[in-house]
PDB file of N, CA and C in Angstrom:
ATOM      1  N   MET A   1     -19.763 -86.802 -86.741  1.00  0.00           N
ATOM      2  CA  MET A   1     -19.764 -87.754 -85.647  1.00  0.00           C
ATOM      3  C   MET A   1     -19.341 -89.122 -86.173  1.00  0.00           C
ATOM      4  N   LEU A   2     -18.465 -89.774 -85.447  1.00  0.00           N
ATOM      5  CA  LEU A   2     -17.947 -91.087 -85.826  1.00  0.00           C
ATOM      6  C   LEU A   2     -18.940 -92.163 -85.418  1.00  0.00           C
ATOM      7  N   HIS A   3     -19.303 -92.985 -86.381  1.00  0.00           N
ATOM      8  CA  HIS A   3     -20.244 -94.066 -86.082  1.00  0.00           C
ATOM      9  C   HIS A   3     -19.458 -95.317 -85.703  1.00  0.00           C
ATOM     10  N   VAL A   4     -19.721 -95.830 -84.529  1.00  0.00           N
ATOM     11  CA  VAL A   4     -19.076 -97.050 -84.064  1.00  0.00           C
ATOM     12  C   VAL A   4     -20.169 -98.058 -83.747  1.00  0.00           C
ATOM     13  N   ASP A   5     -20.048 -99.215 -84.318  1.00  0.00           N
ATOM     14  CA  ASP A   5     -21.013-100.266 -84.054  1.00  0.00           C
ATOM     15  C   ASP A   5     -20.960-100.601 -82.560  1.00  0.00           C
ATOM     16  N   ILE A   6     -22.097-100.612 -81.904  1.00  0.00           N
ATOM     17  CA  ILE A   6     -22.145-100.809 -80.456  1.00  0.00           C
ATOM     18  C   ILE A   6     -21.585-102.169 -80.054  1.00  0.00           C
ATOM     19  N   ASP A   7     -21.818-103.209 -80.865  1.00  0.00           N
ATOM     20  CA  ASP A   7     -21.288-104.532 -80.541  1.00  0.00           C
ATOM     21  C   ASP A   7     -19.768-104.539 -80.571  1.00  0.00           C
ATOM     22  N   VAL A   8     -19.186-103.877 -81.547  1.00  0.00           N
ATOM     23  CA  VAL A   8     -17.728-103.801 -81.641  1.00  0.00           C
ATOM     24  C   VAL A   8     -17.175-103.047 -80.445  1.00  0.00           C
ATOM     25  N   TRP A   9     -17.817-101.951 -80.080  1.00  0.00           N
ATOM     26  CA  TRP A   9     -17.360-101.169 -78.935  1.00  0.00           C
ATOM     27  C   TRP A   9     -17.429-101.980 -77.651  1.00  0.00           C
ATOM     28  N   ILE A  10     -18.513-102.740 -77.463  1.00  0.00           N
ATOM     29  CA  ILE A  10     -18.655-103.558 -76.251  1.00  0.00           C
ATOM     30  C   ILE A  10     -17.561-104.613 -76.196  1.00  0.00           C
ATOM     31  N   TRP A  11     -17.323-105.323 -77.295  1.00  0.00           N
ATOM     32  CA  TRP A  11     -16.285-106.356 -77.301  1.00  0.00           C
ATOM     33  C   TRP A  11     -14.907-105.763 -77.088  1.00  0.00           C
ATOM     34  N   TYR A  12     -14.646-104.622 -77.698  1.00  0.00           N
ATOM     35  CA  TYR A  12     -13.352-103.964 -77.503  1.00  0.00           C
ATOM     36  C   TYR A  12     -13.155-103.605 -76.038  1.00  0.00           C
ATOM     37  N   THR A  13     -14.193-103.064 -75.422  1.00  0.00           N
ATOM     38  CA  THR A  13     -14.117-102.672 -74.021  1.00  0.00           C
ATOM     39  C   THR A  13     -13.896-103.889 -73.130  1.00  0.00           C
ATOM     40  N   VAL A  14     -14.620-104.956 -73.385  1.00  0.00           N
ATOM     41  CA  VAL A  14     -14.479-106.173 -72.583  1.00  0.00           C
ATOM     42  C   VAL A  14     -13.069-106.730 -72.703  1.00  0.00           C
ATOM     43  N   LEU A  15     -12.554-106.807 -73.916  1.00  0.00           N
ATOM     44  CA  LEU A  15     -11.230-107.388 -74.125  1.00  0.00           C
ATOM     45  C   LEU A  15     -10.117-106.526 -73.549  1.00  0.00           C
ATOM     46  N   THR A  16     -10.168-105.240 -73.765  1.00  0.00           N
ATOM     47  CA  THR A  16      -9.074-104.384 -73.307  1.00  0.00           C
ATOM     48  C   THR A  16      -9.127-104.138 -71.811  1.00  0.00           C
ATOM     49  N   ASP A  17     -10.292-104.205 -71.199  1.00  0.00           N
ATOM     50  CA  ASP A  17     -10.382-104.003 -69.753  1.00  0.00           C
ATOM     51  C   ASP A  17      -9.959-105.246 -68.977  1.00  0.00           C
ATOM     52  N   SER A  18     -10.109-106.422 -69.575  1.00  0.00           N
ATOM     53  CA  SER A  18      -9.815-107.651 -68.837  1.00  0.00           C
ATOM     54  C   SER A  18      -8.385-108.132 -69.026  1.00  0.00           C
ATOM     55  N   VAL A  19      -7.674-107.565 -69.979  1.00  0.00           N
ATOM     56  CA  VAL A  19      -6.305-107.992 -70.244  1.00  0.00           C
ATOM     57  C   VAL A  19      -5.362-106.840 -69.944  1.00  0.00           C
ATOM     58  N   ASP A  20      -4.324-107.127 -69.164  1.00  0.00           N
ATOM     59  CA  ASP A  20      -3.348-106.098 -68.814  1.00  0.00           C
ATOM     60  C   ASP A  20      -2.223-106.133 -69.842  1.00  0.00           C
ATOM     61  N   PHE A  21      -2.160-105.107 -70.695  1.00  0.00           N
ATOM     62  CA  PHE A  21      -1.182-105.073 -71.772  1.00  0.00           C
ATOM     63  C   PHE A  21       0.104-104.345 -71.392  1.00  0.00           C
ATOM     64  N   ARG A  22       0.209-103.881 -70.160  1.00  0.00           N
ATOM     65  CA  ARG A  22       1.415-103.170 -69.759  1.00  0.00           C
ATOM     66  C   ARG A  22       2.613-104.108 -69.793  1.00  0.00           C
ATOM     67  N   GLU A  23       3.749-103.582 -70.214  1.00  0.00           N
ATOM     68  CA  GLU A  23       4.949-104.405 -70.325  1.00  0.00           C
ATOM     69  C   GLU A  23       5.400-104.945 -68.968  1.00  0.00           C
ATOM     70  N   ASP A  24       5.225-104.145 -67.917  1.00  0.00           N
ATOM     71  CA  ASP A  24       5.653-104.602 -66.593  1.00  0.00           C
ATOM     72  C   ASP A  24       4.729-105.681 -66.026  1.00  0.00           C
ATOM     73  N   ALA A  25       3.562-105.889 -66.651  1.00  0.00           N
ATOM     74  CA  ALA A  25       2.653-106.937 -66.197  1.00  0.00           C
ATOM     75  C   ALA A  25       3.004-108.289 -66.809  1.00  0.00           C
ATOM     76  N   MET A  26       3.789-108.275 -67.863  1.00  0.00           N
ATOM     77  CA  MET A  26       4.174-109.516 -68.526  1.00  0.00           C
ATOM     78  C   MET A  26       5.338-110.156 -67.777  1.00  0.00           C
ATOM     79  N   PRO A  27       5.320-111.494 -67.647  1.00  0.00           N
ATOM     80  CA  PRO A  27       6.457-112.144 -66.985  1.00  0.00           C
ATOM     81  C   PRO A  27       7.730-111.976 -67.813  1.00  0.00           C
ATOM     82  N   LYS A  28       8.809-111.645 -67.158  1.00  0.00           N
ATOM     83  CA  LYS A  28      10.091-111.423 -67.836  1.00  0.00           C
ATOM     84  C   LYS A  28      10.750-112.765 -68.113  1.00  0.00           C
ATOM     85  N   GLU A  29      11.277-112.899 -69.313  1.00  0.00           N
ATOM     86  CA  GLU A  29      12.016-114.103 -69.689  1.00  0.00           C
ATOM     87  C   GLU A  29      13.448-113.726 -70.021  1.00  0.00           C
ATOM     88  N   LEU A  30      14.365-114.577 -69.630  1.00  0.00           N
ATOM     89  CA  LEU A  30      15.786-114.324 -69.838  1.00  0.00           C
ATOM     90  C   LEU A  30      16.354-115.279 -70.877  1.00  0.00           C
ATOM     91  N   THR A  31      17.387-114.827 -71.555  1.00  0.00           N
ATOM     92  CA  THR A  31      18.144-115.717 -72.422  1.00  0.00           C
ATOM     93  C   THR A  31      19.099-116.521 -71.547  1.00  0.00           C
ATOM     94  N   VAL A  32      19.708-117.531 -72.128  1.00  0.00           N
ATOM     95  CA  VAL A  32      20.689-118.332 -71.397  1.00  0.00           C
ATOM     96  C   VAL A  32      21.849-117.443 -70.944  1.00  0.00           C
ATOM     97  N   ARG A  33      22.280-116.547 -71.799  1.00  0.00           N
ATOM     98  CA  ARG A  33      23.394-115.652 -71.452  1.00  0.00           C
ATOM     99  C   ARG A  33      23.032-114.731 -70.289  1.00  0.00           C
ATOM    100  N   GLU A  34      21.823-114.163 -70.315  1.00  0.00           N
ATOM    101  CA  GLU A  34      21.394-113.283 -69.226  1.00  0.00           C
ATOM    102  C   GLU A  34      21.299-114.045 -67.899  1.00  0.00           C
ATOM    103  N   ALA A  35      20.757-115.262 -67.960  1.00  0.00           N
ATOM    104  CA  ALA A  35      20.668-116.083 -66.747  1.00  0.00           C
ATOM    105  C   ALA A  35      22.061-116.425 -66.225  1.00  0.00           C
ATOM    106  N   ALA A  36      22.987-116.730 -67.137  1.00  0.00           N
ATOM    107  CA  ALA A  36      24.356-117.062 -66.731  1.00  0.00           C
ATOM    108  C   ALA A  36      25.019-115.874 -66.034  1.00  0.00           C
ATOM    109  N   LEU A  37      24.804-114.679 -66.543  1.00  0.00           N
ATOM    110  CA  LEU A  37      25.376-113.486 -65.909  1.00  0.00           C
ATOM    111  C   LEU A  37      24.822-113.299 -64.496  1.00  0.00           C
ATOM    112  N   ARG A  38      23.529-113.518 -64.337  1.00  0.00           N
ATOM    113  CA  ARG A  38      22.923-113.363 -63.012  1.00  0.00           C
ATOM    114  C   ARG A  38      23.397-114.426 -62.027  1.00  0.00           C
ATOM    115  N   LEU A  39      23.659-115.625 -62.540  1.00  0.00           N
ATOM    116  CA  LEU A  39      24.038-116.734 -61.659  1.00  0.00           C
ATOM    117  C   LEU A  39      25.546-116.882 -61.495  1.00  0.00           C
ATOM    118  N   GLY A  40      26.321-116.146 -62.287  1.00  0.00           N
ATOM    119  CA  GLY A  40      27.774-116.199 -62.168  1.00  0.00           C
ATOM    120  C   GLY A  40      28.393-117.469 -62.717  1.00  0.00           C
ATOM    121  N   VAL A  41      27.766-118.043 -63.741  1.00  0.00           N
ATOM    122  CA  VAL A  41      28.298-119.246 -64.392  1.00  0.00           C
ATOM    123  C   VAL A  41      28.328-119.009 -65.894  1.00  0.00           C
ATOM    124  N   THR A  42      28.802-119.986 -66.652  1.00  0.00           N
ATOM    125  CA  THR A  42      28.856-119.844 -68.102  1.00  0.00           C
ATOM    126  C   THR A  42      27.507-120.194 -68.726  1.00  0.00           C
ATOM    127  N   PRO A  43      27.232-119.681 -69.914  1.00  0.00           N
ATOM    128  CA  PRO A  43      25.990-120.044 -70.607  1.00  0.00           C
ATOM    129  C   PRO A  43      25.869-121.555 -70.851  1.00  0.00           C
ATOM    130  N   ARG A  44      26.969-122.214 -71.047  1.00  0.00           N
ATOM    131  CA  ARG A  44      26.937-123.659 -71.272  1.00  0.00           C
ATOM    132  C   ARG A  44      26.398-124.400 -70.036  1.00  0.00           C
ATOM    133  N   VAL A  45      26.786-123.936 -68.850  1.00  0.00           N
ATOM    134  CA  VAL A  45      26.297-124.541 -67.610  1.00  0.00           C
ATOM    135  C   VAL A  45      24.789-124.325 -67.490  1.00  0.00           C
ATOM    136  N   VAL A  46      24.326-123.107 -67.764  1.00  0.00           N
ATOM    137  CA  VAL A  46      22.894-122.803 -67.678  1.00  0.00           C
ATOM    138  C   VAL A  46      22.108-123.639 -68.684  1.00  0.00           C
ATOM    139  N   ALA A  47      22.614-123.776 -69.899  1.00  0.00           N
ATOM    140  CA  ALA A  47      21.924-124.591 -70.906  1.00  0.00           C
ATOM    141  C   ALA A  47      21.795-126.039 -70.431  1.00  0.00           C
ATOM    142  N   GLY A  48      22.817-126.552 -69.775  1.00  0.00           N
ATOM    143  CA  GLY A  48      22.741-127.900 -69.209  1.00  0.00           C
ATOM    144  C   GLY A  48      21.692-127.998 -68.122  1.00  0.00           C
ATOM    145  N   TRP A  49      21.617-126.980 -67.269  1.00  0.00           N
ATOM    146  CA  TRP A  49      20.610-126.970 -66.213  1.00  0.00           C
ATOM    147  C   TRP A  49      19.208-126.918 -66.805  1.00  0.00           C
ATOM    148  N   VAL A  50      19.047-126.150 -67.889  1.00  0.00           N
ATOM    149  CA  VAL A  50      17.733-126.076 -68.545  1.00  0.00           C
ATOM    150  C   VAL A  50      17.355-127.453 -69.072  1.00  0.00           C
ATOM    151  N   ARG A  51      18.281-128.123 -69.727  1.00  0.00           N
ATOM    152  CA  ARG A  51      18.002-129.458 -70.264  1.00  0.00           C
ATOM    153  C   ARG A  51      17.651-130.458 -69.161  1.00  0.00           C
ATOM    154  N   ARG A  52      18.224-130.288 -67.982  1.00  0.00           N
ATOM    155  CA  ARG A  52      17.941-131.179 -66.854  1.00  0.00           C
ATOM    156  C   ARG A  52      16.643-130.816 -66.125  1.00  0.00           C
ATOM    157  N   GLY A  53      16.024-129.690 -66.508  1.00  0.00           N
ATOM    158  CA  GLY A  53      14.745-129.301 -65.921  1.00  0.00           C
ATOM    159  C   GLY A  53      14.831-128.506 -64.640  1.00  0.00           C
ATOM    160  N   TYR A  54      15.951-127.842 -64.384  1.00  0.00           N
ATOM    161  CA  TYR A  54      16.118-127.067 -63.151  1.00  0.00           C
ATOM    162  C   TYR A  54      15.326-125.755 -63.149  1.00  0.00           C
ATOM    163  N   PHE A  55      14.852-125.325 -64.312  1.00  0.00           N
ATOM    164  CA  PHE A  55      14.115-124.062 -64.417  1.00  0.00           C
ATOM    165  C   PHE A  55      12.708-124.346 -64.932  1.00  0.00           C
ATOM    166  N   PRO A  56      11.718-124.440 -64.035  1.00  0.00           N
ATOM    167  CA  PRO A  56      10.346-124.689 -64.492  1.00  0.00           C
ATOM    168  C   PRO A  56       9.867-123.581 -65.426  1.00  0.00           C
ATOM    169  N   GLY A  57       9.233-123.972 -66.510  1.00  0.00           N
ATOM    170  CA  GLY A  57       8.709-122.997 -67.461  1.00  0.00           C
ATOM    171  C   GLY A  57       9.672-122.613 -68.564  1.00  0.00           C
ATOM    172  N   ALA A  58      10.907-123.102 -68.522  1.00  0.00           N
ATOM    173  CA  ALA A  58      11.868-122.793 -69.591  1.00  0.00           C
ATOM    174  C   ALA A  58      11.446-123.544 -70.858  1.00  0.00           C
ATOM    175  N   TYR A  59      11.690-122.922 -72.000  1.00  0.00           N
ATOM    176  CA  TYR A  59      11.308-123.544 -73.262  1.00  0.00           C
ATOM    177  C   TYR A  59      12.234-123.102 -74.384  1.00  0.00           C
ATOM    178  N   LYS A  60      12.196-123.840 -75.490  1.00  0.00           N
ATOM    179  CA  LYS A  60      12.966-123.484 -76.676  1.00  0.00           C
ATOM    180  C   LYS A  60      12.086-122.649 -77.599  1.00  0.00           C
ATOM    181  N   LEU A  61      12.695-121.690 -78.277  1.00  0.00           N
ATOM    182  CA  LEU A  61      11.942-120.845 -79.195  1.00  0.00           C
ATOM    183  C   LEU A  61      11.561-121.563 -80.487  1.00  0.00           C
ATOM    184  N   GLY A  62      12.281-122.590 -80.844  1.00  0.00           N
ATOM    185  CA  GLY A  62      11.979-123.320 -82.070  1.00  0.00           C
ATOM    186  C   GLY A  62      12.160-124.808 -81.875  1.00  0.00           C
ATOM    187  N   LEU A  63      12.066-125.536 -82.968  1.00  0.00           N
ATOM    188  CA  LEU A  63      12.198-126.982 -82.905  1.00  0.00           C
ATOM    189  C   LEU A  63      13.611-127.466 -83.187  1.00  0.00           C
ATOM    190  N   GLY A  64      14.438-126.599 -83.737  1.00  0.00           N
ATOM    191  CA  GLY A  64      15.788-127.000 -84.127  1.00  0.00           C
ATOM    192  C   GLY A  64      16.702-127.276 -82.952  1.00  0.00           C
ATOM    193  N   ARG A  65      17.760-128.014 -83.244  1.00  0.00           N
ATOM    194  CA  ARG A  65      18.723-128.371 -82.205  1.00  0.00           C
ATOM    195  C   ARG A  65      19.392-127.144 -81.592  1.00  0.00           C
ATOM    196  N   ASN A  66      19.611-126.124 -82.394  1.00  0.00           N
ATOM    197  CA  ASN A  66      20.299-124.924 -81.915  1.00  0.00           C
ATOM    198  C   ASN A  66      19.354-123.777 -81.571  1.00  0.00           C
ATOM    199  N   SER A  67      18.067-124.077 -81.431  1.00  0.00           N
ATOM    200  CA  SER A  67      17.117-123.029 -81.067  1.00  0.00           C
ATOM    201  C   SER A  67      17.414-122.528 -79.656  1.00  0.00           C
ATOM    202  N   PRO A  68      17.312-121.226 -79.452  1.00  0.00           N
ATOM    203  CA  PRO A  68      17.637-120.676 -78.130  1.00  0.00           C
ATOM    204  C   PRO A  68      16.551-120.962 -77.095  1.00  0.00           C
ATOM    205  N   PHE A  69      16.961-121.020 -75.847  1.00  0.00           N
ATOM    206  CA  PHE A  69      16.046-121.204 -74.724  1.00  0.00           C
ATOM    207  C   PHE A  69      15.587-119.851 -74.199  1.00  0.00           C
ATOM    208  N   ARG A  70      14.427-119.842 -73.573  1.00  0.00           N
ATOM    209  CA  ARG A  70      13.950-118.710 -72.781  1.00  0.00           C
ATOM    210  C   ARG A  70      13.615-119.253 -71.397  1.00  0.00           C
ATOM    211  N   ILE A  71      14.049-118.530 -70.384  1.00  0.00           N
ATOM    212  CA  ILE A  71      13.898-118.977 -68.999  1.00  0.00           C
ATOM    213  C   ILE A  71      13.145-117.906 -68.218  1.00  0.00           C
ATOM    214  N   PRO A  72      12.067-118.277 -67.526  1.00  0.00           N
ATOM    215  CA  PRO A  72      11.348-117.283 -66.715  1.00  0.00           C
ATOM    216  C   PRO A  72      12.258-116.705 -65.626  1.00  0.00           C
ATOM    217  N   GLU A  73      12.217-115.405 -65.465  1.00  0.00           N
ATOM    218  CA  GLU A  73      13.063-114.730 -64.479  1.00  0.00           C
ATOM    219  C   GLU A  73      12.791-115.263 -63.066  1.00  0.00           C
ATOM    220  N   GLU A  74      11.533-115.547 -62.769  1.00  0.00           N
ATOM    221  CA  GLU A  74      11.187-116.063 -61.442  1.00  0.00           C
ATOM    222  C   GLU A  74      11.835-117.421 -61.188  1.00  0.00           C
ATOM    223  N   ALA A  75      11.951-118.248 -62.233  1.00  0.00           N
ATOM    224  CA  ALA A  75      12.595-119.558 -62.079  1.00  0.00           C
ATOM    225  C   ALA A  75      14.079-119.392 -61.777  1.00  0.00           C
ATOM    226  N   VAL A  76      14.714-118.405 -62.408  1.00  0.00           N
ATOM    227  CA  VAL A  76      16.137-118.145 -62.151  1.00  0.00           C
ATOM    228  C   VAL A  76      16.325-117.643 -60.720  1.00  0.00           C
ATOM    229  N   LYS A  77      15.440-116.749 -60.270  1.00  0.00           N
ATOM    230  CA  LYS A  77      15.532-116.235 -58.896  1.00  0.00           C
ATOM    231  C   LYS A  77      15.342-117.363 -57.883  1.00  0.00           C
ATOM    232  N   ALA A  78      14.364-118.232 -58.122  1.00  0.00           N
ATOM    233  CA  ALA A  78      14.109-119.346 -57.199  1.00  0.00           C
ATOM    234  C   ALA A  78      15.292-120.313 -57.175  1.00  0.00           C
ATOM    235  N   PHE A  79      15.852-120.604 -58.350  1.00  0.00           N
ATOM    236  CA  PHE A  79      17.001-121.497 -58.428  1.00  0.00           C
ATOM    237  C   PHE A  79      18.191-120.904 -57.681  1.00  0.00           C
ATOM    238  N   ASP A  80      18.424-119.613 -57.873  1.00  0.00           N
ATOM    239  CA  ASP A  80      19.547-118.944 -57.207  1.00  0.00           C
ATOM    240  C   ASP A  80      19.362-118.956 -55.688  1.00  0.00           C
ATOM    241  N   ALA A  81      18.137-118.735 -55.234  1.00  0.00           N
ATOM    242  CA  ALA A  81      17.874-118.751 -53.784  1.00  0.00           C
ATOM    243  C   ALA A  81      18.138-120.138 -53.202  1.00  0.00           C
ATOM    244  N   LYS A  82      17.691-121.181 -53.886  1.00  0.00           N
ATOM    245  CA  LYS A  82      17.944-122.552 -53.415  1.00  0.00           C
ATOM    246  C   LYS A  82      19.433-122.851 -53.405  1.00  0.00           C
ATOM    247  N   ARG A  83      20.117-122.405 -54.444  1.00  0.00           N
ATOM    248  CA  ARG A  83      21.560-122.644 -54.538  1.00  0.00           C
ATOM    249  C   ARG A  83      22.304-121.940 -53.419  1.00  0.00           C
ATOM    250  N   ARG A  84      21.910-120.719 -53.088  1.00  0.00           N
ATOM    251  CA  ARG A  84      22.541-119.974 -52.003  1.00  0.00           C
ATOM    252  C   ARG A  84      22.274-120.630 -50.654  1.00  0.00           C
ATOM    253  N   ASP A  85      21.047-121.164 -50.480  1.00  0.00           N
ATOM    254  CA  ASP A  85      20.720-121.862 -49.227  1.00  0.00           C
ATOM    255  C   ASP A  85      21.588-123.107 -49.066  1.00  0.00           C
ATOM    256  N   LEU A  86      21.832-123.829 -50.135  1.00  0.00           N
ATOM    257  CA  LEU A  86      22.666-125.018 -50.068  1.00  0.00           C
ATOM    258  C   LEU A  86      24.129-124.669 -49.780  1.00  0.00           C
ATOM    259  N   ASP A  87      24.572-123.520 -50.300  1.00  0.00           N
ATOM    260  CA  ASP A  87      25.938-123.081 -50.050  1.00  0.00           C
ATOM    261  C   ASP A  87      26.169-122.726 -48.582  1.00  0.00           C
ATOM    262  N   GLN A  88      25.125-122.274 -47.903  1.00  0.00           N
ATOM    263  CA  GLN A  88      25.251-121.858 -46.506  1.00  0.00           C
ATOM    264  C   GLN A  88      25.226-123.030 -45.538  1.00  0.00           C
ATOM    265  N   VAL A  89      24.789-124.183 -45.988  1.00  0.00           N
ATOM    266  CA  VAL A  89      24.689-125.348 -45.098  1.00  0.00           C
ATOM    267  C   VAL A  89      26.031-125.950 -44.842  1.00  0.00           C
TER     268      VAL A  89
END
């Protein structure tokens, strides 16, 4: 019989039951290139939009000047919807 400390088992149960580790539960983040493909523009245009703050939640992976950006998929969808609404006016 395997001996498991009851305190460890309780903490493991609490932590794993309260956190959803499924990949589909995690918010999807896009690279600048992926966002550009979805929006039909060049990556350079998307990088400029990120710098101007058009995508809430976008961030750089590092501190360097050439560090890549990550953009939340929901921010790209919201931006695209607003852009399409403006095109229809």
